[in-house]
Amino acid sequence: MLQMYAISLFSYLSLSFNSAFALRISELFGIVEILLLPMLYHATRHKTLAVMVICSMAFGTLALALFETKLIQQV
């Protein structure tokens, strides 16, 4: 699953010349994130650290989605 997630991130960067296609391919491979994030919580001893990492990834994903839909603008 980590390899699929890595392919998702790589495809988003490598296909950035066509943003619509890059986003769709990245989301196709990025679906494993739904399973990987809860597994991160159960795989670590430090539960607070896992929660902080998961929350920061969720905030980053939200910020990226808002930026892509132009709901927030660059300053």
PDB file of N, CA and C in Angstrom:
ATOM      1  N   MET A   1       0.819  -1.190   0.000  1.00  0.00           N
ATOM      2  CA  MET A   1       0.000   0.000   0.000  1.00  0.00           C
ATOM      3  C   MET A   1       0.867   1.259   0.000  1.00  0.00           C
ATOM      4  N   LEU A   2       2.014   1.175   0.655  1.00  0.00           N
ATOM      5  CA  LEU A   2       2.906   2.336   0.640  1.00  0.00           C
ATOM      6  C   LEU A   2       3.418   2.621  -0.766  1.00  0.00           C
ATOM      7  N   GLN A   3       3.630   1.574  -1.541  1.00  0.00           N
ATOM      8  CA  GLN A   3       4.079   1.775  -2.916  1.00  0.00           C
ATOM      9  C   GLN A   3       2.992   2.458  -3.749  1.00  0.00           C
ATOM     10  N   MET A   4       1.752   2.080  -3.540  1.00  0.00           N
ATOM     11  CA  MET A   4       0.654   2.725  -4.255  1.00  0.00           C
ATOM     12  C   MET A   4       0.544   4.199  -3.860  1.00  0.00           C
ATOM     13  N   TYR A   5       0.755   4.478  -2.579  1.00  0.00           N
ATOM     14  CA  TYR A   5       0.703   5.864  -2.126  1.00  0.00           C
ATOM     15  C   TYR A   5       1.867   6.667  -2.710  1.00  0.00           C
ATOM     16  N   ALA A   6       3.040   6.042  -2.815  1.00  0.00           N
ATOM     17  CA  ALA A   6       4.187   6.710  -3.422  1.00  0.00           C
ATOM     18  C   ALA A   6       3.942   6.970  -4.907  1.00  0.00           C
ATOM     19  N   ILE A   7       3.317   6.027  -5.603  1.00  0.00           N
ATOM     20  CA  ILE A   7       2.968   6.226  -7.010  1.00  0.00           C
ATOM     21  C   ILE A   7       1.987   7.381  -7.148  1.00  0.00           C
ATOM     22  N   SER A   8       1.082   7.495  -6.201  1.00  0.00           N
ATOM     23  CA  SER A   8       0.119   8.592  -6.218  1.00  0.00           C
ATOM     24  C   SER A   8       0.825   9.944  -6.132  1.00  0.00           C
ATOM     25  N   LEU A   9       1.745  10.071  -5.203  1.00  0.00           N
ATOM     26  CA  LEU A   9       2.474  11.337  -5.056  1.00  0.00           C
ATOM     27  C   LEU A   9       3.359  11.614  -6.267  1.00  0.00           C
ATOM     28  N   PHE A  10       4.021  10.584  -6.783  1.00  0.00           N
ATOM     29  CA  PHE A  10       4.891  10.756  -7.943  1.00  0.00           C
ATOM     30  C   PHE A  10       4.087  11.135  -9.184  1.00  0.00           C
ATOM     31  N   SER A  11       2.924  10.506  -9.370  1.00  0.00           N
ATOM     32  CA  SER A  11       2.127  10.814 -10.556  1.00  0.00           C
ATOM     33  C   SER A  11       1.598  12.240 -10.511  1.00  0.00           C
ATOM     34  N   TYR A  12       1.297  12.732  -9.325  1.00  0.00           N
ATOM     35  CA  TYR A  12       0.820  14.115  -9.208  1.00  0.00           C
ATOM     36  C   TYR A  12       1.907  15.095  -9.642  1.00  0.00           C
ATOM     37  N   LEU A  13       3.137  14.807  -9.263  1.00  0.00           N
ATOM     38  CA  LEU A  13       4.238  15.698  -9.639  1.00  0.00           C
ATOM     39  C   LEU A  13       4.652  15.518 -11.092  1.00  0.00           C
ATOM     40  N   SER A  14       4.716  14.283 -11.551  1.00  0.00           N
ATOM     41  CA  SER A  14       5.228  14.046 -12.899  1.00  0.00           C
ATOM     42  C   SER A  14       4.226  14.435 -13.989  1.00  0.00           C
ATOM     43  N   LEU A  15       2.944  14.419 -13.685  1.00  0.00           N
ATOM     44  CA  LEU A  15       1.933  14.781 -14.670  1.00  0.00           C
ATOM     45  C   LEU A  15       1.398  16.196 -14.460  1.00  0.00           C
ATOM     46  N   SER A  16       2.154  17.027 -13.789  1.00  0.00           N
ATOM     47  CA  SER A  16       1.671  18.362 -13.440  1.00  0.00           C
ATOM     48  C   SER A  16       1.458  19.270 -14.649  1.00  0.00           C
ATOM     49  N   PHE A  17       2.001  18.908 -15.796  1.00  0.00           N
ATOM     50  CA  PHE A  17       1.769  19.729 -16.991  1.00  0.00           C
ATOM     51  C   PHE A  17       0.304  19.682 -17.415  1.00  0.00           C
ATOM     52  N   ASN A  18      -0.406  18.623 -17.022  1.00  0.00           N
ATOM     53  CA  ASN A  18      -1.843  18.499 -17.290  1.00  0.00           C
ATOM     54  C   ASN A  18      -2.517  18.295 -15.935  1.00  0.00           C
ATOM     55  N   SER A  19      -2.949  19.371 -15.324  1.00  0.00           N
ATOM     56  CA  SER A  19      -3.382  19.323 -13.931  1.00  0.00           C
ATOM     57  C   SER A  19      -4.614  18.451 -13.704  1.00  0.00           C
ATOM     58  N   ALA A  20      -5.550  18.438 -14.622  1.00  0.00           N
ATOM     59  CA  ALA A  20      -6.756  17.628 -14.443  1.00  0.00           C
ATOM     60  C   ALA A  20      -6.417  16.143 -14.469  1.00  0.00           C
ATOM     61  N   PHE A  21      -5.593  15.751 -15.411  1.00  0.00           N
ATOM     62  CA  PHE A  21      -5.186  14.351 -15.508  1.00  0.00           C
ATOM     63  C   PHE A  21      -4.341  13.951 -14.303  1.00  0.00           C
ATOM     64  N   ALA A  22      -3.442  14.817 -13.873  1.00  0.00           N
ATOM     65  CA  ALA A  22      -2.592  14.523 -12.720  1.00  0.00           C
ATOM     66  C   ALA A  22      -3.417  14.332 -11.458  1.00  0.00           C
ATOM     67  N   LEU A  23      -4.401  15.164 -11.277  1.00  0.00           N
ATOM     68  CA  LEU A  23      -5.255  15.058 -10.093  1.00  0.00           C
ATOM     69  C   LEU A  23      -6.053  13.761 -10.107  1.00  0.00           C
ATOM     70  N   ARG A  24      -6.570  13.377 -11.245  1.00  0.00           N
ATOM     71  CA  ARG A  24      -7.387  12.161 -11.331  1.00  0.00           C
ATOM     72  C   ARG A  24      -6.550  10.900 -11.120  1.00  0.00           C
ATOM     73  N   ILE A  25      -5.375  10.848 -11.723  1.00  0.00           N
ATOM     74  CA  ILE A  25      -4.506   9.680 -11.551  1.00  0.00           C
ATOM     75  C   ILE A  25      -4.001   9.618 -10.114  1.00  0.00           C
ATOM     76  N   SER A  26      -3.663  10.758  -9.552  1.00  0.00           N
ATOM     77  CA  SER A  26      -3.198  10.792  -8.169  1.00  0.00           C
ATOM     78  C   SER A  26      -4.279  10.322  -7.207  1.00  0.00           C
ATOM     79  N   GLU A  27      -5.503  10.718  -7.432  1.00  0.00           N
ATOM     80  CA  GLU A  27      -6.597  10.276  -6.567  1.00  0.00           C
ATOM     81  C   GLU A  27      -6.919   8.807  -6.782  1.00  0.00           C
ATOM     82  N   LEU A  28      -6.718   8.308  -8.002  1.00  0.00           N
ATOM     83  CA  LEU A  28      -6.940   6.893  -8.260  1.00  0.00           C
ATOM     84  C   LEU A  28      -5.994   6.037  -7.416  1.00  0.00           C
ATOM     85  N   PHE A  29      -4.719   6.390  -7.400  1.00  0.00           N
ATOM     86  CA  PHE A  29      -3.757   5.634  -6.606  1.00  0.00           C
ATOM     87  C   PHE A  29      -3.783   6.033  -5.135  1.00  0.00           C
ATOM     88  N   GLY A  30      -4.248   7.234  -4.833  1.00  0.00           N
ATOM     89  CA  GLY A  30      -4.231   7.739  -3.463  1.00  0.00           C
ATOM     90  C   GLY A  30      -5.349   7.217  -2.589  1.00  0.00           C
ATOM     91  N   ILE A  31      -6.212   6.379  -3.140  1.00  0.00           N
ATOM     92  CA  ILE A  31      -7.323   5.846  -2.360  1.00  0.00           C
ATOM     93  C   ILE A  31      -6.817   4.969  -1.205  1.00  0.00           C
ATOM     94  N   VAL A  32      -5.594   4.466  -1.312  1.00  0.00           N
ATOM     95  CA  VAL A  32      -5.044   3.638  -0.232  1.00  0.00           C
ATOM     96  C   VAL A  32      -4.790   4.457   1.033  1.00  0.00           C
ATOM     97  N   GLU A  33      -4.821   5.768   0.911  1.00  0.00           N
ATOM     98  CA  GLU A  33      -4.624   6.629   2.070  1.00  0.00           C
ATOM     99  C   GLU A  33      -5.725   6.409   3.114  1.00  0.00           C
ATOM    100  N   ILE A  34      -6.897   6.007   2.662  1.00  0.00           N
ATOM    101  CA  ILE A  34      -8.006   5.742   3.571  1.00  0.00           C
ATOM    102  C   ILE A  34      -7.647   4.624   4.537  1.00  0.00           C
ATOM    103  N   LEU A  35      -6.895   3.646   4.074  1.00  0.00           N
ATOM    104  CA  LEU A  35      -6.477   2.549   4.935  1.00  0.00           C
ATOM    105  C   LEU A  35      -5.152   2.813   5.638  1.00  0.00           C
ATOM    106  N   LEU A  36      -4.268   3.571   5.012  1.00  0.00           N
ATOM    107  CA  LEU A  36      -2.942   3.783   5.588  1.00  0.00           C
ATOM    108  C   LEU A  36      -2.962   4.665   6.828  1.00  0.00           C
ATOM    109  N   LEU A  37      -3.787   5.678   6.857  1.00  0.00           N
ATOM    110  CA  LEU A  37      -3.792   6.573   8.015  1.00  0.00           C
ATOM    111  C   LEU A  37      -4.269   5.894   9.298  1.00  0.00           C
ATOM    112  N   PRO A  38      -5.347   5.125   9.292  1.00  0.00           N
ATOM    113  CA  PRO A  38      -5.684   4.403  10.521  1.00  0.00           C
ATOM    114  C   PRO A  38      -4.636   3.358  10.913  1.00  0.00           C
ATOM    115  N   MET A  39      -3.973   2.768   9.916  1.00  0.00           N
ATOM    116  CA  MET A  39      -2.920   1.801  10.224  1.00  0.00           C
ATOM    117  C   MET A  39      -1.742   2.482  10.917  1.00  0.00           C
ATOM    118  N   LEU A  40      -1.489   3.738  10.585  1.00  0.00           N
ATOM    119  CA  LEU A  40      -0.426   4.494  11.240  1.00  0.00           C
ATOM    120  C   LEU A  40      -0.706   4.644  12.725  1.00  0.00           C
ATOM    121  N   TYR A  41      -1.950   4.887  13.070  1.00  0.00           N
ATOM    122  CA  TYR A  41      -2.326   5.038  14.476  1.00  0.00           C
ATOM    123  C   TYR A  41      -2.089   3.739  15.241  1.00  0.00           C
ATOM    124  N   HIS A  42      -2.450   2.628  14.645  1.00  0.00           N
ATOM    125  CA  HIS A  42      -2.311   1.347  15.329  1.00  0.00           C
ATOM    126  C   HIS A  42      -0.892   0.794  15.289  1.00  0.00           C
ATOM    127  N   ALA A  43      -0.056   1.288  14.390  1.00  0.00           N
ATOM    128  CA  ALA A  43       1.297   0.757  14.241  1.00  0.00           C
ATOM    129  C   ALA A  43       2.313   1.435  15.159  1.00  0.00           C
ATOM    130  N   THR A  44       1.969   2.560  15.749  1.00  0.00           N
ATOM    131  CA  THR A  44       2.934   3.276  16.574  1.00  0.00           C
ATOM    132  C   THR A  44       2.608   3.147  18.053  1.00  0.00           C
ATOM    133  N   ARG A  45       3.641   3.309  18.863  1.00  0.00           N
ATOM    134  CA  ARG A  45       3.440   3.311  20.311  1.00  0.00           C
ATOM    135  C   ARG A  45       2.959   4.664  20.801  1.00  0.00           C
ATOM    136  N   HIS A  46       3.476   5.705  20.207  1.00  0.00           N
ATOM    137  CA  HIS A  46       3.138   7.060  20.633  1.00  0.00           C
ATOM    138  C   HIS A  46       1.861   7.498  19.912  1.00  0.00           C
ATOM    139  N   LYS A  47       0.761   7.314  20.566  1.00  0.00           N
ATOM    140  CA  LYS A  47      -0.536   7.599  19.946  1.00  0.00           C
ATOM    141  C   LYS A  47      -0.729   9.092  19.703  1.00  0.00           C
ATOM    142  N   THR A  48      -0.199   9.926  20.586  1.00  0.00           N
ATOM    143  CA  THR A  48      -0.365  11.369  20.383  1.00  0.00           C
ATOM    144  C   THR A  48       0.411  11.841  19.152  1.00  0.00           C
ATOM    145  N   LEU A  49       1.583  11.271  18.935  1.00  0.00           N
ATOM    146  CA  LEU A  49       2.360  11.623  17.746  1.00  0.00           C
ATOM    147  C   LEU A  49       1.623  11.188  16.484  1.00  0.00           C
ATOM    148  N   ALA A  50       1.032   9.999  16.510  1.00  0.00           N
ATOM    149  CA  ALA A  50       0.280   9.514  15.349  1.00  0.00           C
ATOM    150  C   ALA A  50      -0.924  10.410  15.069  1.00  0.00           C
ATOM    151  N   VAL A  51      -1.599  10.850  16.123  1.00  0.00           N
ATOM    152  CA  VAL A  51      -2.752  11.741  15.940  1.00  0.00           C
ATOM    153  C   VAL A  51      -2.302  13.081  15.365  1.00  0.00           C
ATOM    154  N   MET A  52      -1.168  13.591  15.831  1.00  0.00           N
ATOM    155  CA  MET A  52      -0.650  14.863  15.310  1.00  0.00           C
ATOM    156  C   MET A  52      -0.278  14.738  13.832  1.00  0.00           C
ATOM    157  N   VAL A  53       0.343  13.629  13.444  1.00  0.00           N
ATOM    158  CA  VAL A  53       0.717  13.419  12.044  1.00  0.00           C
ATOM    159  C   VAL A  53      -0.530  13.302  11.171  1.00  0.00           C
ATOM    160  N   ILE A  54      -1.510  12.547  11.640  1.00  0.00           N
ATOM    161  CA  ILE A  54      -2.746  12.369  10.875  1.00  0.00           C
ATOM    162  C   ILE A  54      -3.480  13.693  10.724  1.00  0.00           C
ATOM    163  N   CYS A  55      -3.548  14.481  11.798  1.00  0.00           N
ATOM    164  CA  CYS A  55      -4.230  15.786  11.724  1.00  0.00           C
ATOM    165  C   CYS A  55      -3.489  16.755  10.806  1.00  0.00           C
ATOM    166  N   SER A  56      -2.151  16.739  10.842  1.00  0.00           N
ATOM    167  CA  SER A  56      -1.405  17.635   9.965  1.00  0.00           C
ATOM    168  C   SER A  56      -1.554  17.227   8.497  1.00  0.00           C
ATOM    169  N   MET A  57      -1.606  15.923   8.229  1.00  0.00           N
ATOM    170  CA  MET A  57      -1.835  15.475   6.850  1.00  0.00           C
ATOM    171  C   MET A  57      -3.236  15.853   6.386  1.00  0.00           C
ATOM    172  N   ALA A  58      -4.213  15.749   7.267  1.00  0.00           N
ATOM    173  CA  ALA A  58      -5.582  16.125   6.913  1.00  0.00           C
ATOM    174  C   ALA A  58      -5.677  17.619   6.648  1.00  0.00           C
ATOM    175  N   PHE A  59      -5.008  18.421   7.461  1.00  0.00           N
ATOM    176  CA  PHE A  59      -5.012  19.867   7.243  1.00  0.00           C
ATOM    177  C   PHE A  59      -4.318  20.220   5.933  1.00  0.00           C
ATOM    178  N   GLY A  60      -3.213  19.556   5.633  1.00  0.00           N
ATOM    179  CA  GLY A  60      -2.513  19.793   4.374  1.00  0.00           C
ATOM    180  C   GLY A  60      -3.352  19.421   3.170  1.00  0.00           C
ATOM    181  N   THR A  61      -4.060  18.308   3.260  1.00  0.00           N
ATOM    182  CA  THR A  61      -4.941  17.886   2.176  1.00  0.00           C
ATOM    183  C   THR A  61      -6.081  18.876   1.988  1.00  0.00           C
ATOM    184  N   LEU A  62      -6.634  19.355   3.088  1.00  0.00           N
ATOM    185  CA  LEU A  62      -7.701  20.352   3.012  1.00  0.00           C
ATOM    186  C   LEU A  62      -7.200  21.650   2.390  1.00  0.00           C
ATOM    187  N   ALA A  63      -6.028  22.101   2.799  1.00  0.00           N
ATOM    188  CA  ALA A  63      -5.474  23.336   2.246  1.00  0.00           C
ATOM    189  C   ALA A  63      -5.189  23.194   0.751  1.00  0.00           C
ATOM    190  N   LEU A  64      -4.670  22.040   0.349  1.00  0.00           N
ATOM    191  CA  LEU A  64      -4.397  21.805  -1.068  1.00  0.00           C
ATOM    192  C   LEU A  64      -5.690  21.782  -1.877  1.00  0.00           C
ATOM    193  N   ALA A  65      -6.716  21.145  -1.339  1.00  0.00           N
ATOM    194  CA  ALA A  65      -8.007  21.086  -2.040  1.00  0.00           C
ATOM    195  C   ALA A  65      -8.626  22.475  -2.161  1.00  0.00           C
ATOM    196  N   LEU A  66      -8.527  23.274  -1.111  1.00  0.00           N
ATOM    197  CA  LEU A  66      -9.062  24.638  -1.171  1.00  0.00           C
ATOM    198  C   LEU A  66      -8.293  25.494  -2.164  1.00  0.00           C
ATOM    199  N   PHE A  67      -6.989  25.295  -2.225  1.00  0.00           N
ATOM    200  CA  PHE A  67      -6.166  26.058  -3.165  1.00  0.00           C
ATOM    201  C   PHE A  67      -6.468  25.646  -4.608  1.00  0.00           C
ATOM    202  N   GLU A  68      -6.654  24.339  -4.849  1.00  0.00           N
ATOM    203  CA  GLU A  68      -6.929  23.873  -6.206  1.00  0.00           C
ATOM    204  C   GLU A  68      -8.282  24.328  -6.713  1.00  0.00           C
ATOM    205  N   THR A  69      -9.256  24.440  -5.831  1.00  0.00           N
ATOM    206  CA  THR A  69     -10.580  24.897  -6.246  1.00  0.00           C
ATOM    207  C   THR A  69     -10.708  26.415  -6.226  1.00  0.00           C
ATOM    208  N   LYS A  70      -9.604  27.083  -5.928  1.00  0.00           N
ATOM    209  CA  LYS A  70      -9.504  28.543  -5.936  1.00  0.00           C
ATOM    210  C   LYS A  70     -10.425  29.202  -4.900  1.00  0.00           C
ATOM    211  N   LEU A  71     -10.707  28.485  -3.814  1.00  0.00           N
ATOM    212  CA  LEU A  71     -11.463  29.087  -2.717  1.00  0.00           C
ATOM    213  C   LEU A  71     -10.566  29.972  -1.859  1.00  0.00           C
ATOM    214  N   ILE A  72      -9.249  29.691  -1.876  1.00  0.00           N
ATOM    215  CA  ILE A  72      -8.285  30.602  -1.265  1.00  0.00           C
ATOM    216  C   ILE A  72      -7.288  30.963  -2.361  1.00  0.00           C
ATOM    217  N   GLN A  73      -6.726  32.132  -2.267  1.00  0.00           N
ATOM    218  CA  GLN A  73      -5.837  32.625  -3.320  1.00  0.00           C
ATOM    219  C   GLN A  73      -4.439  32.849  -2.776  1.00  0.00           C
ATOM    220  N   GLN A  74      -3.462  32.844  -3.660  1.00  0.00           N
ATOM    221  CA  GLN A  74      -2.096  33.164  -3.280  1.00  0.00           C
ATOM    222  C   GLN A  74      -2.019  34.641  -2.929  1.00  0.00           C
ATOM    223  N   VAL A  75      -1.185  34.961  -1.967  1.00  0.00           N
ATOM    224  CA  VAL A  75      -1.008  36.361  -1.569  1.00  0.00           C
ATOM    225  C   VAL A  75       0.233  36.906  -2.235  1.00  0.00           C
TER     226      VAL A  75
END
